Amino acid sequence: MKKYFSILFLAFLFLSFSKPTFRVSKLKNSIDLQDTLVLNTKSFKKNVHASYYSDKLNGRKTASGEIFNNTKYTAAHKTLNFGTKLKVTNLANNKSVVVVVNDRGPFSKVREIDLSKKAFMEIATNKNQGQLLVNIAIITK
């Protein structure tokens, strides 16, 4: 019995003083990966165009069946599975955001991804522009 408690006590001490490999600071809407220090990613597309959804689409159903909300961190992509988490990085300022694919689009040959307005504005340098050059990486587990 003493041996059991000794092992538990040592495990507790070890876990108490060890540093985590990543942290999640603030929860932002439904995605809890916005402020992580370490993300396992796999490069998907480089130097592609991103745009953002119009406010008039708020409240409509997305292709996944969810109700679209421009204040969440979501995206539309032509082929990626719904629920795929992406790290989108603005090439102009190296700011990035994590979004979840929940819709289809954009329906333009020039653009690769449509971001929610909140996600777009978080990484945009000039808030008056309608598209950005970005790198897209898939977040793996």
C-alpha atoms as a PDB file:
ATOM      1  CA  MET A   1       0.000   0.000   0.000  1.00  0.00           C
ATOM      2  CA  LYS A   2       2.846   2.387   0.868  1.00  0.00           C
ATOM      3  CA  LYS A   3       4.491   1.573  -2.451  1.00  0.00           C
ATOM      4  CA  TYR A   4       1.267   2.488  -4.297  1.00  0.00           C
ATOM      5  CA  PHE A   5       1.006   5.871  -2.560  1.00  0.00           C
ATOM      6  CA  SER A   6       4.706   6.550  -3.139  1.00  0.00           C
ATOM      7  CA  ILE A   7       4.289   5.950  -6.868  1.00  0.00           C
ATOM      8  CA  LEU A   8       1.215   8.195  -6.997  1.00  0.00           C
ATOM      9  CA  PHE A   9       3.028  10.914  -5.082  1.00  0.00           C
ATOM     10  CA  LEU A  10       6.053  10.785  -7.407  1.00  0.00           C
ATOM     11  CA  ALA A  11       3.776  10.881 -10.476  1.00  0.00           C
ATOM     12  CA  PHE A  12       1.985  13.898  -9.032  1.00  0.00           C
ATOM     13  CA  LEU A  13       5.278  15.715  -8.433  1.00  0.00           C
ATOM     14  CA  PHE A  14       6.522  14.892 -11.923  1.00  0.00           C
ATOM     15  CA  LEU A  15       3.349  16.149 -13.578  1.00  0.00           C
ATOM     16  CA  SER A  16       3.200  19.256 -11.386  1.00  0.00           C
ATOM     17  CA  PHE A  17       6.624  20.513 -12.384  1.00  0.00           C
ATOM     18  CA  SER A  18       6.764  19.440 -16.028  1.00  0.00           C
ATOM     19  CA  LYS A  19       6.124  22.083 -18.695  1.00  0.00           C
ATOM     20  CA  PRO A  20       3.409  21.474 -21.288  1.00  0.00           C
ATOM     21  CA  THR A  21       4.467  21.293 -24.947  1.00  0.00           C
ATOM     22  CA  PHE A  22       1.637  23.619 -25.987  1.00  0.00           C
ATOM     23  CA  ARG A  23      -0.898  25.898 -24.438  1.00  0.00           C
ATOM     24  CA  VAL A  24      -4.321  27.135 -25.372  1.00  0.00           C
ATOM     25  CA  SER A  25      -4.867  30.583 -23.924  1.00  0.00           C
ATOM     26  CA  LYS A  26      -8.183  32.071 -25.056  1.00  0.00           C
ATOM     27  CA  LEU A  27     -11.138  30.220 -26.457  1.00  0.00           C
ATOM     28  CA  LYS A  28     -12.357  32.050 -29.531  1.00  0.00           C
ATOM     29  CA  ASN A  29     -15.812  31.002 -30.628  1.00  0.00           C
ATOM     30  CA  SER A  30     -15.955  27.306 -31.437  1.00  0.00           C
ATOM     31  CA  ILE A  31     -12.251  26.883 -32.226  1.00  0.00           C
ATOM     32  CA  ASP A  32      -9.858  26.446 -29.350  1.00  0.00           C
ATOM     33  CA  LEU A  33      -6.651  26.381 -31.403  1.00  0.00           C
ATOM     34  CA  GLN A  34      -6.243  30.106 -32.114  1.00  0.00           C
ATOM     35  CA  ASP A  35      -3.428  30.818 -29.658  1.00  0.00           C
ATOM     36  CA  THR A  36      -1.569  27.537 -29.602  1.00  0.00           C
ATOM     37  CA  LEU A  37       2.197  27.622 -29.562  1.00  0.00           C
ATOM     38  CA  VAL A  38       2.691  24.316 -31.365  1.00  0.00           C
ATOM     39  CA  LEU A  39       0.563  23.108 -34.273  1.00  0.00           C
ATOM     40  CA  ASN A  40       1.234  19.986 -36.282  1.00  0.00           C
ATOM     41  CA  THR A  41       0.595  21.102 -39.840  1.00  0.00           C
ATOM     42  CA  LYS A  42       1.022  19.764 -43.343  1.00  0.00           C
ATOM     43  CA  SER A  43       1.469  22.303 -46.116  1.00  0.00           C
ATOM     44  CA  PHE A  44      -1.490  22.261 -48.507  1.00  0.00           C
ATOM     45  CA  LYS A  45      -1.361  25.275 -50.853  1.00  0.00           C
ATOM     46  CA  LYS A  46       1.123  28.136 -51.125  1.00  0.00           C
ATOM     47  CA  ASN A  47       0.726  31.624 -52.542  1.00  0.00           C
ATOM     48  CA  VAL A  48      -3.030  31.402 -53.221  1.00  0.00           C
ATOM     49  CA  HIS A  49      -5.841  33.963 -53.006  1.00  0.00           C
ATOM     50  CA  ALA A  50      -8.255  34.162 -50.079  1.00  0.00           C
ATOM     51  CA  SER A  51     -11.357  36.341 -49.769  1.00  0.00           C
ATOM     52  CA  TYR A  52     -14.125  36.689 -47.202  1.00  0.00           C
ATOM     53  CA  TYR A  53     -17.874  36.099 -47.051  1.00  0.00           C
ATOM     54  CA  SER A  54     -20.366  38.903 -47.464  1.00  0.00           C
ATOM     55  CA  ASP A  55     -22.397  39.879 -44.397  1.00  0.00           C
ATOM     56  CA  LYS A  56     -25.585  39.147 -46.318  1.00  0.00           C
ATOM     57  CA  LEU A  57     -24.862  35.406 -45.985  1.00  0.00           C
ATOM     58  CA  ASN A  58     -25.205  35.470 -42.184  1.00  0.00           C
ATOM     59  CA  GLY A  59     -27.921  33.115 -40.986  1.00  0.00           C
ATOM     60  CA  ARG A  60     -28.006  30.997 -44.147  1.00  0.00           C
ATOM     61  CA  LYS A  61     -27.220  27.296 -44.176  1.00  0.00           C
ATOM     62  CA  THR A  62     -23.773  26.235 -45.323  1.00  0.00           C
ATOM     63  CA  ALA A  63     -23.147  23.144 -47.446  1.00  0.00           C
ATOM     64  CA  SER A  64     -22.400  21.204 -44.245  1.00  0.00           C
ATOM     65  CA  GLY A  65     -25.813  22.129 -42.811  1.00  0.00           C
ATOM     66  CA  GLU A  66     -24.466  24.566 -40.208  1.00  0.00           C
ATOM     67  CA  ILE A  67     -25.850  28.077 -39.993  1.00  0.00           C
ATOM     68  CA  PHE A  68     -23.235  30.542 -41.264  1.00  0.00           C
ATOM     69  CA  ASN A  69     -21.985  33.142 -38.825  1.00  0.00           C
ATOM     70  CA  ASN A  70     -19.426  35.733 -39.964  1.00  0.00           C
ATOM     71  CA  THR A  71     -18.151  36.130 -36.386  1.00  0.00           C
ATOM     72  CA  LYS A  72     -16.814  32.558 -36.179  1.00  0.00           C
ATOM     73  CA  TYR A  73     -13.564  31.142 -37.526  1.00  0.00           C
ATOM     74  CA  THR A  74     -14.823  29.164 -40.519  1.00  0.00           C
ATOM     75  CA  ALA A  75     -13.971  28.744 -44.192  1.00  0.00           C
ATOM     76  CA  ALA A  76     -15.254  27.462 -47.504  1.00  0.00           C
ATOM     77  CA  HIS A  77     -13.141  25.221 -49.709  1.00  0.00           C
ATOM     78  CA  LYS A  78     -13.967  23.381 -52.919  1.00  0.00           C
ATOM     79  CA  THR A  79     -12.632  19.927 -52.014  1.00  0.00           C
ATOM     80  CA  LEU A  80     -11.481  19.621 -48.391  1.00  0.00           C
ATOM     81  CA  ASN A  81     -13.667  17.586 -46.028  1.00  0.00           C
ATOM     82  CA  PHE A  82     -16.018  19.419 -43.692  1.00  0.00           C
ATOM     83  CA  GLY A  83     -14.449  19.737 -40.250  1.00  0.00           C
ATOM     84  CA  THR A  84     -10.896  20.023 -41.596  1.00  0.00           C
ATOM     85  CA  LYS A  85      -8.908  22.515 -39.520  1.00  0.00           C
ATOM     86  CA  LEU A  86      -6.672  24.836 -41.516  1.00  0.00           C
ATOM     87  CA  LYS A  87      -3.975  27.325 -40.613  1.00  0.00           C
ATOM     88  CA  VAL A  88      -4.208  30.246 -43.047  1.00  0.00           C
ATOM     89  CA  THR A  89      -1.207  32.611 -43.095  1.00  0.00           C
ATOM     90  CA  ASN A  90      -1.177  36.040 -44.737  1.00  0.00           C
ATOM     91  CA  LEU A  91       2.034  36.326 -46.773  1.00  0.00           C
ATOM     92  CA  ALA A  92       2.173  40.128 -46.407  1.00  0.00           C
ATOM     93  CA  ASN A  93       2.444  40.212 -42.596  1.00  0.00           C
ATOM     94  CA  ASN A  94       2.892  36.548 -41.563  1.00  0.00           C
ATOM     95  CA  LYS A  95      -0.248  36.653 -39.362  1.00  0.00           C
ATOM     96  CA  SER A  96      -2.185  33.415 -39.240  1.00  0.00           C
ATOM     97  CA  VAL A  97      -5.572  32.146 -38.143  1.00  0.00           C
ATOM     98  CA  VAL A  98      -7.045  28.692 -37.600  1.00  0.00           C
ATOM     99  CA  VAL A  99     -10.372  27.988 -39.315  1.00  0.00           C
ATOM    100  CA  VAL A 100     -12.676  25.009 -39.805  1.00  0.00           C
ATOM    101  CA  VAL A 101     -14.026  24.106 -43.254  1.00  0.00           C
ATOM    102  CA  ASN A 102     -17.830  24.056 -43.114  1.00  0.00           C
ATOM    103  CA  ASP A 103     -18.872  25.177 -46.607  1.00  0.00           C
ATOM    104  CA  ARG A 104     -18.132  24.793 -50.319  1.00  0.00           C
ATOM    105  CA  GLY A 105     -16.614  27.509 -52.452  1.00  0.00           C
ATOM    106  CA  PRO A 106     -15.291  29.905 -53.520  1.00  0.00           C
ATOM    107  CA  PHE A 107     -16.855  29.630 -56.934  1.00  0.00           C
ATOM    108  CA  SER A 108     -14.064  31.454 -58.714  1.00  0.00           C
ATOM    109  CA  LYS A 109     -11.019  29.991 -60.471  1.00  0.00           C
ATOM    110  CA  VAL A 110      -8.780  32.687 -58.994  1.00  0.00           C
ATOM    111  CA  ARG A 111      -9.578  32.177 -55.290  1.00  0.00           C
ATOM    112  CA  GLU A 112      -8.695  29.069 -53.288  1.00  0.00           C
ATOM    113  CA  ILE A 113     -10.524  29.751 -50.011  1.00  0.00           C
ATOM    114  CA  ASP A 114     -13.275  31.964 -48.561  1.00  0.00           C
ATOM    115  CA  LEU A 115     -12.813  32.942 -44.920  1.00  0.00           C
ATOM    116  CA  SER A 116     -15.380  34.247 -42.480  1.00  0.00           C
ATOM    117  CA  LYS A 117     -15.083  38.013 -42.074  1.00  0.00           C
ATOM    118  CA  LYS A 118     -13.708  37.657 -38.538  1.00  0.00           C
ATOM    119  CA  ALA A 119     -10.930  35.299 -39.649  1.00  0.00           C
ATOM    120  CA  PHE A 120     -10.082  37.457 -42.673  1.00  0.00           C
ATOM    121  CA  MET A 121      -9.921  40.711 -40.697  1.00  0.00           C
ATOM    122  CA  GLU A 122      -7.711  39.117 -38.049  1.00  0.00           C
ATOM    123  CA  ILE A 123      -4.936  38.451 -40.576  1.00  0.00           C
ATOM    124  CA  ALA A 124      -5.520  41.352 -43.015  1.00  0.00           C
ATOM    125  CA  THR A 125      -3.037  44.212 -43.162  1.00  0.00           C
ATOM    126  CA  ASN A 126      -5.430  46.570 -44.920  1.00  0.00           C
ATOM    127  CA  LYS A 127      -8.997  46.102 -43.668  1.00  0.00           C
ATOM    128  CA  ASN A 128     -10.378  47.680 -46.871  1.00  0.00           C
ATOM    129  CA  GLN A 129      -9.024  45.054 -49.246  1.00  0.00           C
ATOM    130  CA  GLY A 130     -11.140  42.110 -50.321  1.00  0.00           C
ATOM    131  CA  GLN A 131      -8.531  39.437 -50.884  1.00  0.00           C
ATOM    132  CA  LEU A 132      -5.131  38.306 -49.634  1.00  0.00           C
ATOM    133  CA  LEU A 133      -2.269  36.105 -50.755  1.00  0.00           C
ATOM    134  CA  VAL A 134      -2.012  33.273 -48.239  1.00  0.00           C
ATOM    135  CA  ASN A 135      -0.432  29.923 -47.477  1.00  0.00           C
ATOM    136  CA  ILE A 136      -2.796  27.155 -46.347  1.00  0.00           C
ATOM    137  CA  ALA A 137      -1.719  24.296 -44.092  1.00  0.00           C
ATOM    138  CA  ILE A 138      -3.845  21.400 -42.825  1.00  0.00           C
ATOM    139  CA  ILE A 139      -3.684  20.918 -39.068  1.00  0.00           C
ATOM    140  CA  THR A 140      -3.003  17.288 -38.243  1.00  0.00           C
ATOM    141  CA  LYS A 141      -3.499  15.588 -34.933  1.00  0.00           C
END
